[in-house]
PDB file of N, CA and C in Angstrom:
ATOM      1  N   MET A   1     -58.521  -6.305  29.076  1.00  0.00           N
ATOM      2  CA  MET A   1     -59.768  -5.612  29.266  1.00  0.00           C
ATOM      3  C   MET A   1     -60.545  -5.440  28.157  1.00  0.00           C
ATOM      4  N   GLU A   2     -62.018  -5.717  28.411  1.00  0.00           N
ATOM      5  CA  GLU A   2     -63.190  -5.272  27.029  1.00  0.00           C
ATOM      6  C   GLU A   2     -63.290  -3.674  27.405  1.00  0.00           C
ATOM      7  N   THR A   3     -63.782  -3.056  26.107  1.00  0.00           N
ATOM      8  CA  THR A   3     -63.852  -1.537  26.558  1.00  0.00           C
ATOM      9  C   THR A   3     -65.378  -1.854  25.800  1.00  0.00           C
ATOM     10  N   ALA A   4     -65.949  -0.925  26.772  1.00  0.00           N
ATOM     11  CA  ALA A   4     -67.668  -1.142  27.061  1.00  0.00           C
ATOM     12  C   ALA A   4     -67.897  -0.191  25.584  1.00  0.00           C
ATOM     13  N   VAL A   5     -69.001  -0.614  24.922  1.00  0.00           N
ATOM     14  CA  VAL A   5     -69.297   0.206  23.583  1.00  0.00           C
ATOM     15  C   VAL A   5     -70.491   1.052  23.619  1.00  0.00           C
ATOM     16  N   GLU A   6     -70.368   2.010  23.175  1.00  0.00           N
ATOM     17  CA  GLU A   6     -71.398   2.980  23.507  1.00  0.00           C
ATOM     18  C   GLU A   6     -72.140   3.403  22.076  1.00  0.00           C
ATOM     19  N   ASN A   7     -73.134   4.244  22.282  1.00  0.00           N
ATOM     20  CA  ASN A   7     -74.310   4.359  21.255  1.00  0.00           C
ATOM     21  C   ASN A   7     -74.672   3.194  20.030  1.00  0.00           C
ATOM     22  N   SER A   8     -75.143   2.250  20.807  1.00  0.00           N
ATOM     23  CA  SER A   8     -75.329   1.453  20.150  1.00  0.00           C
ATOM     24  C   SER A   8     -76.554   0.807  20.715  1.00  0.00           C
ATOM     25  N   ILE A   9     -77.111  -0.085  19.762  1.00  0.00           N
ATOM     26  CA  ILE A   9     -78.560  -1.115  20.197  1.00  0.00           C
ATOM     27  C   ILE A   9     -77.801  -2.580  20.442  1.00  0.00           C
ATOM     28  N   PHE A  10     -78.374  -3.069  21.865  1.00  0.00           N
ATOM     29  CA  PHE A  10     -77.592  -4.153  22.553  1.00  0.00           C
ATOM     30  C   PHE A  10     -79.124  -5.175  22.245  1.00  0.00           C
ATOM     31  N   ILE A  11     -79.008  -6.482  22.866  1.00  0.00           N
ATOM     32  CA  ILE A  11     -79.852  -7.603  22.647  1.00  0.00           C
ATOM     33  C   ILE A  11     -79.445  -8.786  23.861  1.00  0.00           C
ATOM     34  N   SER A  12     -80.449  -8.935  24.652  1.00  0.00           N
ATOM     35  CA  SER A  12     -80.125  -9.413  25.906  1.00  0.00           C
ATOM     36  C   SER A  12     -80.222 -11.098  25.052  1.00  0.00           C
ATOM     37  N   ASP A  13     -79.633 -11.766  26.109  1.00  0.00           N
ATOM     38  CA  ASP A  13     -79.371 -13.543  25.693  1.00  0.00           C
ATOM     39  C   ASP A  13     -80.941 -14.213  25.100  1.00  0.00           C
ATOM     40  N   LYS A  14     -81.930 -13.449  26.011  1.00  0.00           N
ATOM     41  CA  LYS A  14     -83.193 -14.435  25.890  1.00  0.00           C
ATOM     42  C   LYS A  14     -83.630 -13.772  24.777  1.00  0.00           C
ATOM     43  N   ALA A  15     -83.866 -12.513  24.179  1.00  0.00           N
ATOM     44  CA  ALA A  15     -84.357 -11.645  22.979  1.00  0.00           C
ATOM     45  C   ALA A  15     -83.576 -12.721  21.755  1.00  0.00           C
ATOM     46  N   LYS A  16     -82.167 -12.722  21.883  1.00  0.00           N
ATOM     47  CA  LYS A  16     -81.041 -13.027  20.841  1.00  0.00           C
ATOM     48  C   LYS A  16     -82.003 -14.624  20.650  1.00  0.00           C
ATOM     49  N   ALA A  17     -82.149 -15.585  21.342  1.00  0.00           N
ATOM     50  CA  ALA A  17     -82.355 -16.766  21.377  1.00  0.00           C
ATOM     51  C   ALA A  17     -84.070 -17.112  20.414  1.00  0.00           C
ATOM     52  N   LYS A  18     -84.636 -15.805  21.209  1.00  0.00           N
ATOM     53  CA  LYS A  18     -86.120 -15.971  20.168  1.00  0.00           C
ATOM     54  C   LYS A  18     -86.189 -15.042  19.212  1.00  0.00           C
ATOM     55  N   VAL A  19     -85.245 -14.295  18.416  1.00  0.00           N
ATOM     56  CA  VAL A  19     -85.158 -14.219  17.264  1.00  0.00           C
ATOM     57  C   VAL A  19     -84.537 -14.987  16.186  1.00  0.00           C
ATOM     58  N   GLU A  20     -82.989 -16.019  16.715  1.00  0.00           N
ATOM     59  CA  GLU A  20     -82.730 -16.557  16.177  1.00  0.00           C
ATOM     60  C   GLU A  20     -84.190 -18.280  15.558  1.00  0.00           C
ATOM     61  N   GLN A  21     -84.749 -18.569  16.857  1.00  0.00           N
ATOM     62  CA  GLN A  21     -86.137 -19.414  16.627  1.00  0.00           C
ATOM     63  C   GLN A  21     -86.789 -18.677  15.335  1.00  0.00           C
ATOM     64  N   LEU A  22     -87.109 -17.118  15.707  1.00  0.00           N
ATOM     65  CA  LEU A  22     -87.918 -16.986  14.848  1.00  0.00           C
ATOM     66  C   LEU A  22     -87.309 -16.576  13.179  1.00  0.00           C
ATOM     67  N   ILE A  23     -86.491 -16.202  13.299  1.00  0.00           N
ATOM     68  CA  ILE A  23     -85.946 -16.858  11.708  1.00  0.00           C
ATOM     69  C   ILE A  23     -85.711 -17.813  10.912  1.00  0.00           C
ATOM     70  N   HIS A  24     -85.087 -18.783  12.177  1.00  0.00           N
ATOM     71  CA  HIS A  24     -85.603 -20.485  11.870  1.00  0.00           C
ATOM     72  C   HIS A  24     -86.954 -20.759  11.347  1.00  0.00           C
ATOM     73  N   ASP A  25     -87.709 -20.436  12.403  1.00  0.00           N
ATOM     74  CA  ASP A  25     -88.957 -20.941  11.938  1.00  0.00           C
ATOM     75  C   ASP A  25     -90.106 -20.301  10.924  1.00  0.00           C
ATOM     76  N   SER A  26     -89.501 -19.247  10.495  1.00  0.00           N
ATOM     77  CA  SER A  26     -89.696 -17.938   9.228  1.00  0.00           C
ATOM     78  C   SER A  26     -89.274 -18.681   8.094  1.00  0.00           C
ATOM     79  N   GLN A  27     -88.072 -19.640   8.292  1.00  0.00           N
ATOM     80  CA  GLN A  27     -87.497 -19.953   7.120  1.00  0.00           C
ATOM     81  C   GLN A  27     -86.723 -18.753   6.200  1.00  0.00           C
ATOM     82  N   LEU A  28     -85.898 -17.957   6.974  1.00  0.00           N
ATOM     83  CA  LEU A  28     -85.136 -16.640   6.105  1.00  0.00           C
ATOM     84  C   LEU A  28     -84.018 -17.370   6.789  1.00  0.00           C
ATOM     85  N   ASP A  29     -83.359 -16.636   5.510  1.00  0.00           N
ATOM     86  CA  ASP A  29     -81.740 -17.045   5.080  1.00  0.00           C
ATOM     87  C   ASP A  29     -80.670 -15.830   5.998  1.00  0.00           C
ATOM     88  N   ASP A  30     -79.792 -16.185   5.748  1.00  0.00           N
ATOM     89  CA  ASP A  30     -78.425 -15.218   6.576  1.00  0.00           C
ATOM     90  C   ASP A  30     -78.371 -13.872   5.804  1.00  0.00           C
ATOM     91  N   THR A  31     -79.432 -13.543   4.939  1.00  0.00           N
ATOM     92  CA  THR A  31     -79.506 -11.918   4.570  1.00  0.00           C
ATOM     93  C   THR A  31     -79.933 -11.167   5.382  1.00  0.00           C
ATOM     94  N   TYR A  32     -81.153 -12.173   6.040  1.00  0.00           N
ATOM     95  CA  TYR A  32     -82.102 -11.193   6.874  1.00  0.00           C
ATOM     96  C   TYR A  32     -81.438 -10.709   8.338  1.00  0.00           C
ATOM     97  N   PHE A  33     -81.741  -9.866   8.761  1.00  0.00           N
ATOM     98  CA  PHE A  33     -81.432  -9.061   9.932  1.00  0.00           C
ATOM     99  C   PHE A  33     -82.501  -8.861  10.762  1.00  0.00           C
ATOM    100  N   LEU A  34     -82.684  -8.038  11.854  1.00  0.00           N
ATOM    101  CA  LEU A  34     -83.569  -7.623  13.113  1.00  0.00           C
ATOM    102  C   LEU A  34     -83.747  -5.886  12.742  1.00  0.00           C
ATOM    103  N   ARG A  35     -84.831  -5.224  11.993  1.00  0.00           N
ATOM    104  CA  ARG A  35     -85.249  -4.316  11.804  1.00  0.00           C
ATOM    105  C   ARG A  35     -85.996  -3.513  13.160  1.00  0.00           C
ATOM    106  N   VAL A  36     -85.206  -2.705  13.585  1.00  0.00           N
ATOM    107  CA  VAL A  36     -85.847  -2.203  14.609  1.00  0.00           C
ATOM    108  C   VAL A  36     -85.934  -0.540  14.728  1.00  0.00           C
ATOM    109  N   SER A  37     -87.641   0.008  14.876  1.00  0.00           N
ATOM    110  CA  SER A  37     -87.750   1.216  14.488  1.00  0.00           C
ATOM    111  C   SER A  37     -88.737   2.128  15.358  1.00  0.00           C
ATOM    112  N   VAL A  38     -88.651   3.143  15.599  1.00  0.00           N
ATOM    113  CA  VAL A  38     -89.613   4.379  16.203  1.00  0.00           C
ATOM    114  C   VAL A  38     -90.498   4.863  15.459  1.00  0.00           C
ATOM    115  N   VAL A  39     -92.015   4.488  15.753  1.00  0.00           N
ATOM    116  CA  VAL A  39     -92.899   4.951  14.880  1.00  0.00           C
ATOM    117  C   VAL A  39     -93.593   6.265  15.877  1.00  0.00           C
ATOM    118  N   GLY A  40     -94.474   7.067  15.398  1.00  0.00           N
ATOM    119  CA  GLY A  40     -95.571   7.921  16.194  1.00  0.00           C
ATOM    120  C   GLY A  40     -96.850   7.143  16.460  1.00  0.00           C
ATOM    121  N   GLY A  41     -97.327   7.275  17.808  1.00  0.00           N
ATOM    122  CA  GLY A  41     -98.512   6.693  18.210  1.00  0.00           C
ATOM    123  C   GLY A  41     -98.012   5.664  19.611  1.00  0.00           C
ATOM    124  N   GLY A  42     -99.306   5.022  19.983  1.00  0.00           N
ATOM    125  CA  GLY A  42     -99.160   4.347  21.252  1.00  0.00           C
ATOM    126  C   GLY A  42     -99.617   5.798  22.268  1.00  0.00           C
ATOM    127  N   CYS A  43    -100.310   4.785  23.444  1.00  0.00           N
ATOM    128  CA  CYS A  43    -100.714   5.940  24.539  1.00  0.00           C
ATOM    129  C   CYS A  43     -99.653   6.849  25.230  1.00  0.00           C
ATOM    130  N   SER A  44     -98.293   6.487  25.120  1.00  0.00           N
ATOM    131  CA  SER A  44     -96.969   7.769  25.066  1.00  0.00           C
ATOM    132  C   SER A  44     -96.866   8.525  24.328  1.00  0.00           C
ATOM    133  N   GLY A  45     -97.149   8.152  22.964  1.00  0.00           N
ATOM    134  CA  GLY A  45     -96.907   8.909  21.716  1.00  0.00           C
ATOM    135  C   GLY A  45     -95.643   8.475  20.788  1.00  0.00           C
ATOM    136  N   LEU A  46     -94.527   7.586  21.421  1.00  0.00           N
ATOM    137  CA  LEU A  46     -94.045   6.716  20.172  1.00  0.00           C
ATOM    138  C   LEU A  46     -94.161   5.222  20.638  1.00  0.00           C
ATOM    139  N   SER A  47     -94.298   4.492  19.215  1.00  0.00           N
ATOM    140  CA  SER A  47     -94.310   3.186  19.799  1.00  0.00           C
ATOM    141  C   SER A  47     -92.812   2.216  19.073  1.00  0.00           C
ATOM    142  N   TYR A  48     -92.998   1.368  19.713  1.00  0.00           N
ATOM    143  CA  TYR A  48     -91.305   0.358  19.037  1.00  0.00           C
ATOM    144  C   TYR A  48     -91.753  -0.165  17.918  1.00  0.00           C
ATOM    145  N   LYS A  49     -91.198  -0.994  16.896  1.00  0.00           N
ATOM    146  CA  LYS A  49     -91.624  -1.710  15.423  1.00  0.00           C
ATOM    147  C   LYS A  49     -90.262  -2.697  15.567  1.00  0.00           C
ATOM    148  N   LEU A  50     -90.590  -3.575  15.446  1.00  0.00           N
ATOM    149  CA  LEU A  50     -89.903  -4.517  15.038  1.00  0.00           C
ATOM    150  C   LEU A  50     -90.060  -5.678  13.761  1.00  0.00           C
ATOM    151  N   ASP A  51     -89.029  -5.190  12.565  1.00  0.00           N
ATOM    152  CA  ASP A  51     -89.480  -6.769  11.422  1.00  0.00           C
ATOM    153  C   ASP A  51     -88.092  -7.212  11.301  1.00  0.00           C
ATOM    154  N   PHE A  52     -87.976  -8.102  10.305  1.00  0.00           N
ATOM    155  CA  PHE A  52     -87.017  -8.670   9.376  1.00  0.00           C
ATOM    156  C   PHE A  52     -86.985  -8.047   8.429  1.00  0.00           C
ATOM    157  N   ASP A  53     -85.710  -8.021   8.148  1.00  0.00           N
ATOM    158  CA  ASP A  53     -85.569  -6.890   6.553  1.00  0.00           C
ATOM    159  C   ASP A  53     -84.503  -7.873   6.176  1.00  0.00           C
ATOM    160  N   ASN A  54     -84.134  -7.323   4.593  1.00  0.00           N
ATOM    161  CA  ASN A  54     -82.815  -7.999   4.306  1.00  0.00           C
ATOM    162  C   ASN A  54     -82.518  -6.469   3.361  1.00  0.00           C
ATOM    163  N   GLU A  55     -83.546  -5.560   3.357  1.00  0.00           N
ATOM    164  CA  GLU A  55     -82.344  -4.602   2.654  1.00  0.00           C
ATOM    165  C   GLU A  55     -82.411  -3.177   3.361  1.00  0.00           C
ATOM    166  N   GLU A  56     -80.965  -3.046   3.578  1.00  0.00           N
ATOM    167  CA  GLU A  56     -80.572  -1.634   4.175  1.00  0.00           C
ATOM    168  C   GLU A  56     -80.978  -0.510   3.554  1.00  0.00           C
ATOM    169  N   LYS A  57     -81.334   0.470   4.033  1.00  0.00           N
ATOM    170  CA  LYS A  57     -81.079   1.831   3.253  1.00  0.00           C
ATOM    171  C   LYS A  57     -79.848   2.618   3.208  1.00  0.00           C
ATOM    172  N   PRO A  58     -80.380   3.594   2.543  1.00  0.00           N
ATOM    173  CA  PRO A  58     -78.687   3.967   2.795  1.00  0.00           C
ATOM    174  C   PRO A  58     -78.646   5.571   4.406  1.00  0.00           C
ATOM    175  N   MET A  59     -79.314   6.019   4.856  1.00  0.00           N
ATOM    176  CA  MET A  59     -78.990   6.418   6.076  1.00  0.00           C
ATOM    177  C   MET A  59     -79.152   5.556   7.031  1.00  0.00           C
ATOM    178  N   ASP A  60     -79.402   3.879   7.079  1.00  0.00           N
ATOM    179  CA  ASP A  60     -79.616   2.918   7.811  1.00  0.00           C
ATOM    180  C   ASP A  60     -78.339   3.041   8.866  1.00  0.00           C
ATOM    181  N   GLN A  61     -78.505   2.714  10.475  1.00  0.00           N
ATOM    182  CA  GLN A  61     -77.604   2.461  11.576  1.00  0.00           C
ATOM    183  C   GLN A  61     -77.519   0.768  11.505  1.00  0.00           C
ATOM    184  N   SER A  62     -76.577   0.220  11.411  1.00  0.00           N
ATOM    185  CA  SER A  62     -76.102  -0.986  11.877  1.00  0.00           C
ATOM    186  C   SER A  62     -75.317  -1.301  12.903  1.00  0.00           C
ATOM    187  N   PHE A  63     -75.658  -2.434  13.615  1.00  0.00           N
ATOM    188  CA  PHE A  63     -75.050  -2.624  14.890  1.00  0.00           C
ATOM    189  C   PHE A  63     -75.075  -4.630  14.605  1.00  0.00           C
ATOM    190  N   GLU A  64     -73.939  -4.553  15.375  1.00  0.00           N
ATOM    191  CA  GLU A  64     -74.086  -6.154  15.830  1.00  0.00           C
ATOM    192  C   GLU A  64     -74.105  -6.486  17.265  1.00  0.00           C
ATOM    193  N   ASP A  65     -74.447  -7.417  18.153  1.00  0.00           N
ATOM    194  CA  ASP A  65     -74.534  -7.348  19.264  1.00  0.00           C
ATOM    195  C   ASP A  65     -74.780  -9.124  19.585  1.00  0.00           C
ATOM    196  N   LYS A  66     -74.156  -9.717  20.074  1.00  0.00           N
ATOM    197  CA  LYS A  66     -74.075 -11.424  20.339  1.00  0.00           C
ATOM    198  C   LYS A  66     -74.145 -12.191  19.044  1.00  0.00           C
ATOM    199  N   GLY A  67     -74.140 -11.821  18.088  1.00  0.00           N
ATOM    200  CA  GLY A  67     -74.122 -12.469  16.318  1.00  0.00           C
ATOM    201  C   GLY A  67     -75.528 -11.855  16.067  1.00  0.00           C
ATOM    202  N   ILE A  68     -76.296 -10.912  16.574  1.00  0.00           N
ATOM    203  CA  ILE A  68     -77.212 -10.600  16.005  1.00  0.00           C
ATOM    204  C   ILE A  68     -77.148  -8.926  15.319  1.00  0.00           C
ATOM    205  N   LYS A  69     -77.574  -9.316  13.838  1.00  0.00           N
ATOM    206  CA  LYS A  69     -77.205  -8.033  13.165  1.00  0.00           C
ATOM    207  C   LYS A  69     -78.942  -6.936  13.269  1.00  0.00           C
ATOM    208  N   ILE A  70     -78.547  -5.646  13.923  1.00  0.00           N
ATOM    209  CA  ILE A  70     -79.818  -5.009  14.140  1.00  0.00           C
ATOM    210  C   ILE A  70     -79.360  -3.579  13.266  1.00  0.00           C
ATOM    211  N   VAL A  71     -80.602  -3.304  13.041  1.00  0.00           N
ATOM    212  CA  VAL A  71     -80.543  -2.118  11.596  1.00  0.00           C
ATOM    213  C   VAL A  71     -81.599  -1.209  12.127  1.00  0.00           C
ATOM    214  N   THR A  72     -81.164   0.149  12.018  1.00  0.00           N
ATOM    215  CA  THR A  72     -82.429   1.276  12.361  1.00  0.00           C
ATOM    216  C   THR A  72     -81.992   2.645  11.607  1.00  0.00           C
ATOM    217  N   ASP A  73     -83.445   2.919  11.403  1.00  0.00           N
ATOM    218  CA  ASP A  73     -82.976   4.232  10.585  1.00  0.00           C
ATOM    219  C   ASP A  73     -82.278   5.061  11.310  1.00  0.00           C
ATOM    220  N   LEU A  74     -81.662   6.651  11.137  1.00  0.00           N
ATOM    221  CA  LEU A  74     -81.066   7.407  11.849  1.00  0.00           C
ATOM    222  C   LEU A  74     -82.012   8.515  12.470  1.00  0.00           C
ATOM    223  N   LYS A  75     -83.409   8.386  12.210  1.00  0.00           N
ATOM    224  CA  LYS A  75     -84.014   8.988  13.117  1.00  0.00           C
ATOM    225  C   LYS A  75     -85.026   8.241  14.162  1.00  0.00           C
ATOM    226  N   SER A  76     -84.849   7.200  13.854  1.00  0.00           N
ATOM    227  CA  SER A  76     -85.099   6.376  14.977  1.00  0.00           C
ATOM    228  C   SER A  76     -83.980   5.719  16.432  1.00  0.00           C
ATOM    229  N   PHE A  77     -82.887   5.871  15.560  1.00  0.00           N
ATOM    230  CA  PHE A  77     -81.709   5.667  16.486  1.00  0.00           C
ATOM    231  C   PHE A  77     -81.499   6.846  17.425  1.00  0.00           C
ATOM    232  N   LEU A  78     -81.582   7.793  17.222  1.00  0.00           N
ATOM    233  CA  LEU A  78     -81.944   9.260  18.323  1.00  0.00           C
ATOM    234  C   LEU A  78     -82.469   8.888  19.304  1.00  0.00           C
ATOM    235  N   TYR A  79     -83.648   7.984  19.224  1.00  0.00           N
ATOM    236  CA  TYR A  79     -84.435   7.634  20.486  1.00  0.00           C
ATOM    237  C   TYR A  79     -84.280   6.228  21.083  1.00  0.00           C
ATOM    238  N   LEU A  80     -83.418   5.616  20.267  1.00  0.00           N
ATOM    239  CA  LEU A  80     -82.931   4.457  20.613  1.00  0.00           C
ATOM    240  C   LEU A  80     -81.638   4.024  21.171  1.00  0.00           C
ATOM    241  N   VAL A  81     -80.435   4.997  20.714  1.00  0.00           N
ATOM    242  CA  VAL A  81     -78.955   4.819  21.623  1.00  0.00           C
ATOM    243  C   VAL A  81     -79.051   4.396  22.630  1.00  0.00           C
ATOM    244  N   ASN A  82     -78.457   3.064  22.749  1.00  0.00           N
ATOM    245  CA  ASN A  82     -78.185   2.581  24.219  1.00  0.00           C
ATOM    246  C   ASN A  82     -79.049   1.923  24.578  1.00  0.00           C
ATOM    247  N   THR A  83     -80.097   1.367  23.895  1.00  0.00           N
ATOM    248  CA  THR A  83     -81.445   0.627  24.232  1.00  0.00           C
ATOM    249  C   THR A  83     -81.148  -0.751  24.243  1.00  0.00           C
ATOM    250  N   GLU A  84     -81.510  -1.700  25.412  1.00  0.00           N
ATOM    251  CA  GLU A  84     -81.423  -3.076  25.051  1.00  0.00           C
ATOM    252  C   GLU A  84     -82.954  -3.805  24.939  1.00  0.00           C
ATOM    253  N   LEU A  85     -82.875  -4.612  23.564  1.00  0.00           N
ATOM    254  CA  LEU A  85     -84.035  -5.493  23.386  1.00  0.00           C
ATOM    255  C   LEU A  85     -83.935  -6.448  24.463  1.00  0.00           C
ATOM    256  N   ASP A  86     -85.030  -7.039  24.830  1.00  0.00           N
ATOM    257  CA  ASP A  86     -84.890  -8.340  25.800  1.00  0.00           C
ATOM    258  C   ASP A  86     -86.144  -9.122  25.598  1.00  0.00           C
ATOM    259  N   PHE A  87     -86.642 -10.144  26.288  1.00  0.00           N
ATOM    260  CA  PHE A  87     -87.433 -10.946  25.739  1.00  0.00           C
ATOM    261  C   PHE A  87     -88.148 -11.534  27.046  1.00  0.00           C
ATOM    262  N   SER A  88     -88.784 -11.455  27.413  1.00  0.00           N
ATOM    263  CA  SER A  88     -89.732 -12.095  28.679  1.00  0.00           C
ATOM    264  C   SER A  88     -90.706 -12.949  28.184  1.00  0.00           C
ATOM    265  N   ASP A  89     -90.935 -14.534  28.540  1.00  0.00           N
ATOM    266  CA  ASP A  89     -91.778 -15.335  28.668  1.00  0.00           C
ATOM    267  C   ASP A  89     -92.042 -15.829  29.800  1.00  0.00           C
ATOM    268  N   GLY A  90     -91.680 -15.296  31.002  1.00  0.00           N
ATOM    269  CA  GLY A  90     -92.329 -15.608  32.525  1.00  0.00           C
ATOM    270  C   GLY A  90     -93.745 -15.573  32.626  1.00  0.00           C
ATOM    271  N   LEU A  91     -94.486 -15.834  33.984  1.00  0.00           N
ATOM    272  CA  LEU A  91     -95.768 -15.681  34.008  1.00  0.00           C
ATOM    273  C   LEU A  91     -96.448 -14.101  33.458  1.00  0.00           C
ATOM    274  N   ASN A  92     -95.942 -13.497  33.678  1.00  0.00           N
ATOM    275  CA  ASN A  92     -96.204 -11.913  33.670  1.00  0.00           C
ATOM    276  C   ASN A  92     -95.567 -11.961  32.180  1.00  0.00           C
ATOM    277  N   GLY A  93     -94.907 -12.499  31.655  1.00  0.00           N
ATOM    278  CA  GLY A  93     -94.175 -12.074  30.318  1.00  0.00           C
ATOM    279  C   GLY A  93     -95.274 -11.556  29.406  1.00  0.00           C
ATOM    280  N   LYS A  94     -94.680 -10.733  28.308  1.00  0.00           N
ATOM    281  CA  LYS A  94     -94.933 -10.224  27.298  1.00  0.00           C
ATOM    282  C   LYS A  94     -94.787  -9.802  25.791  1.00  0.00           C
ATOM    283  N   GLY A  95     -93.531 -10.968  25.546  1.00  0.00           N
ATOM    284  CA  GLY A  95     -92.961 -11.196  24.771  1.00  0.00           C
ATOM    285  C   GLY A  95     -91.836  -9.886  24.530  1.00  0.00           C
ATOM    286  N   PHE A  96     -91.367  -9.200  23.604  1.00  0.00           N
ATOM    287  CA  PHE A  96     -90.088  -8.522  23.146  1.00  0.00           C
ATOM    288  C   PHE A  96     -90.434  -7.060  24.182  1.00  0.00           C
ATOM    289  N   ASN A  97     -89.537  -6.347  24.735  1.00  0.00           N
ATOM    290  CA  ASN A  97     -89.346  -5.368  25.509  1.00  0.00           C
ATOM    291  C   ASN A  97     -88.203  -4.510  25.154  1.00  0.00           C
ATOM    292  N   PHE A  98     -88.365  -3.398  25.418  1.00  0.00           N
ATOM    293  CA  PHE A  98     -86.849  -2.512  25.477  1.00  0.00           C
ATOM    294  C   PHE A  98     -86.853  -1.718  26.391  1.00  0.00           C
ATOM    295  N   VAL A  99     -85.682  -1.928  27.124  1.00  0.00           N
ATOM    296  CA  VAL A  99     -85.309  -1.094  28.006  1.00  0.00           C
ATOM    297  C   VAL A  99     -84.143  -0.173  27.559  1.00  0.00           C
ATOM    298  N   ASN A 100     -85.164   1.185  27.501  1.00  0.00           N
ATOM    299  CA  ASN A 100     -84.890   2.369  26.936  1.00  0.00           C
ATOM    300  C   ASN A 100     -84.342   3.523  27.634  1.00  0.00           C
ATOM    301  N   PRO A 101     -82.759   3.374  27.750  1.00  0.00           N
ATOM    302  CA  PRO A 101     -82.320   4.727  28.864  1.00  0.00           C
ATOM    303  C   PRO A 101     -82.894   6.415  28.654  1.00  0.00           C
ATOM    304  N   ASN A 102     -83.884   6.377  27.159  1.00  0.00           N
ATOM    305  CA  ASN A 102     -83.995   7.799  26.427  1.00  0.00           C
ATOM    306  C   ASN A 102     -85.471   8.016  26.706  1.00  0.00           C
ATOM    307  N   ALA A 103     -86.059   7.118  27.455  1.00  0.00           N
ATOM    308  CA  ALA A 103     -87.506   7.461  27.247  1.00  0.00           C
ATOM    309  C   ALA A 103     -87.621   8.032  28.952  1.00  0.00           C
ATOM    310  N   SER A 104     -88.678   8.894  28.854  1.00  0.00           N
ATOM    311  CA  SER A 104     -88.802   9.992  30.419  1.00  0.00           C
ATOM    312  C   SER A 104     -89.893   8.877  31.010  1.00  0.00           C
ATOM    313  N   ARG A 105     -91.073   8.554  30.089  1.00  0.00           N
ATOM    314  CA  ARG A 105     -91.666   7.447  30.639  1.00  0.00           C
ATOM    315  C   ARG A 105     -92.211   6.783  29.672  1.00  0.00           C
ATOM    316  N   SER A 106     -93.278   5.787  29.993  1.00  0.00           N
ATOM    317  CA  SER A 106     -93.431   4.342  29.455  1.00  0.00           C
ATOM    318  C   SER A 106     -94.933   4.153  29.577  1.00  0.00           C
ATOM    319  N   CYS A 107     -95.479   3.378  28.843  1.00  0.00           N
ATOM    320  CA  CYS A 107     -97.149   2.990  29.002  1.00  0.00           C
ATOM    321  C   CYS A 107     -97.000   1.758  29.899  1.00  0.00           C
ATOM    322  N   GLY A 108     -97.964   1.512  30.455  1.00  0.00           N
ATOM    323  CA  GLY A 108     -98.094  -0.366  30.882  1.00  0.00           C
ATOM    324  C   GLY A 108     -97.904  -1.225  29.987  1.00  0.00           C
ATOM    325  N   CYS A 109     -98.571  -1.198  29.278  1.00  0.00           N
ATOM    326  CA  CYS A 109     -97.922  -2.264  28.263  1.00  0.00           C
ATOM    327  C   CYS A 109     -96.410  -2.394  27.536  1.00  0.00           C
ATOM    328  N   GLY A 110     -95.943  -1.314  27.806  1.00  0.00           N
ATOM    329  CA  GLY A 110     -94.453  -1.233  27.492  1.00  0.00           C
ATOM    330  C   GLY A 110     -94.177  -1.052  26.121  1.00  0.00           C
ATOM    331  N   ASP A 111     -94.917  -0.838  25.362  1.00  0.00           N
ATOM    332  CA  ASP A 111     -95.100  -0.867  23.719  1.00  0.00           C
ATOM    333  C   ASP A 111     -95.042   0.458  23.205  1.00  0.00           C
ATOM    334  N   SER A 112     -95.140   1.319  24.254  1.00  0.00           N
ATOM    335  CA  SER A 112     -94.715   2.828  23.524  1.00  0.00           C
ATOM    336  C   SER A 112     -94.285   3.820  24.532  1.00  0.00           C
ATOM    337  N   PHE A 113     -93.566   4.961  24.066  1.00  0.00           N
ATOM    338  CA  PHE A 113     -92.810   5.772  25.329  1.00  0.00           C
ATOM    339  C   PHE A 113     -92.809   7.246  24.651  1.00  0.00           C
ATOM    340  N   ALA A 114     -92.413   7.952  25.913  1.00  0.00           N
ATOM    341  CA  ALA A 114     -92.276   9.100  25.717  1.00  0.00           C
ATOM    342  C   ALA A 114     -90.538   9.924  25.977  1.00  0.00           C
ATOM    343  N   VAL A 115     -90.220  10.764  25.452  1.00  0.00           N
ATOM    344  CA  VAL A 115     -89.006  11.110  25.839  1.00  0.00           C
ATOM    345  C   VAL A 115     -88.947  12.846  25.914  1.00  0.00           C
TER     346      VAL A 115
END
């Protein structure tokens, strides 16, 4: 029986495939990981930020899901705990989006949220 992991950041299969494609297309080596953070701004008050990085900072929180290393700073993690990064490429697709159980509301664009 598999135990569910809690207090982490997760990635969907579609988002994993897109991250792997972007790493390959950018010709980044295997020292790079996905950095997820929360910054002030956006129409709901807080916005998500995604980058590739290869340097962890002392207070970073590091996770791995489906073989993808995801790193966030401690402050951002308080907003992102148990969030899943997803990717949509359908007709109504808008790229990466966050399924965040901590958000009390989010804007129509899906790029910002409030707690």
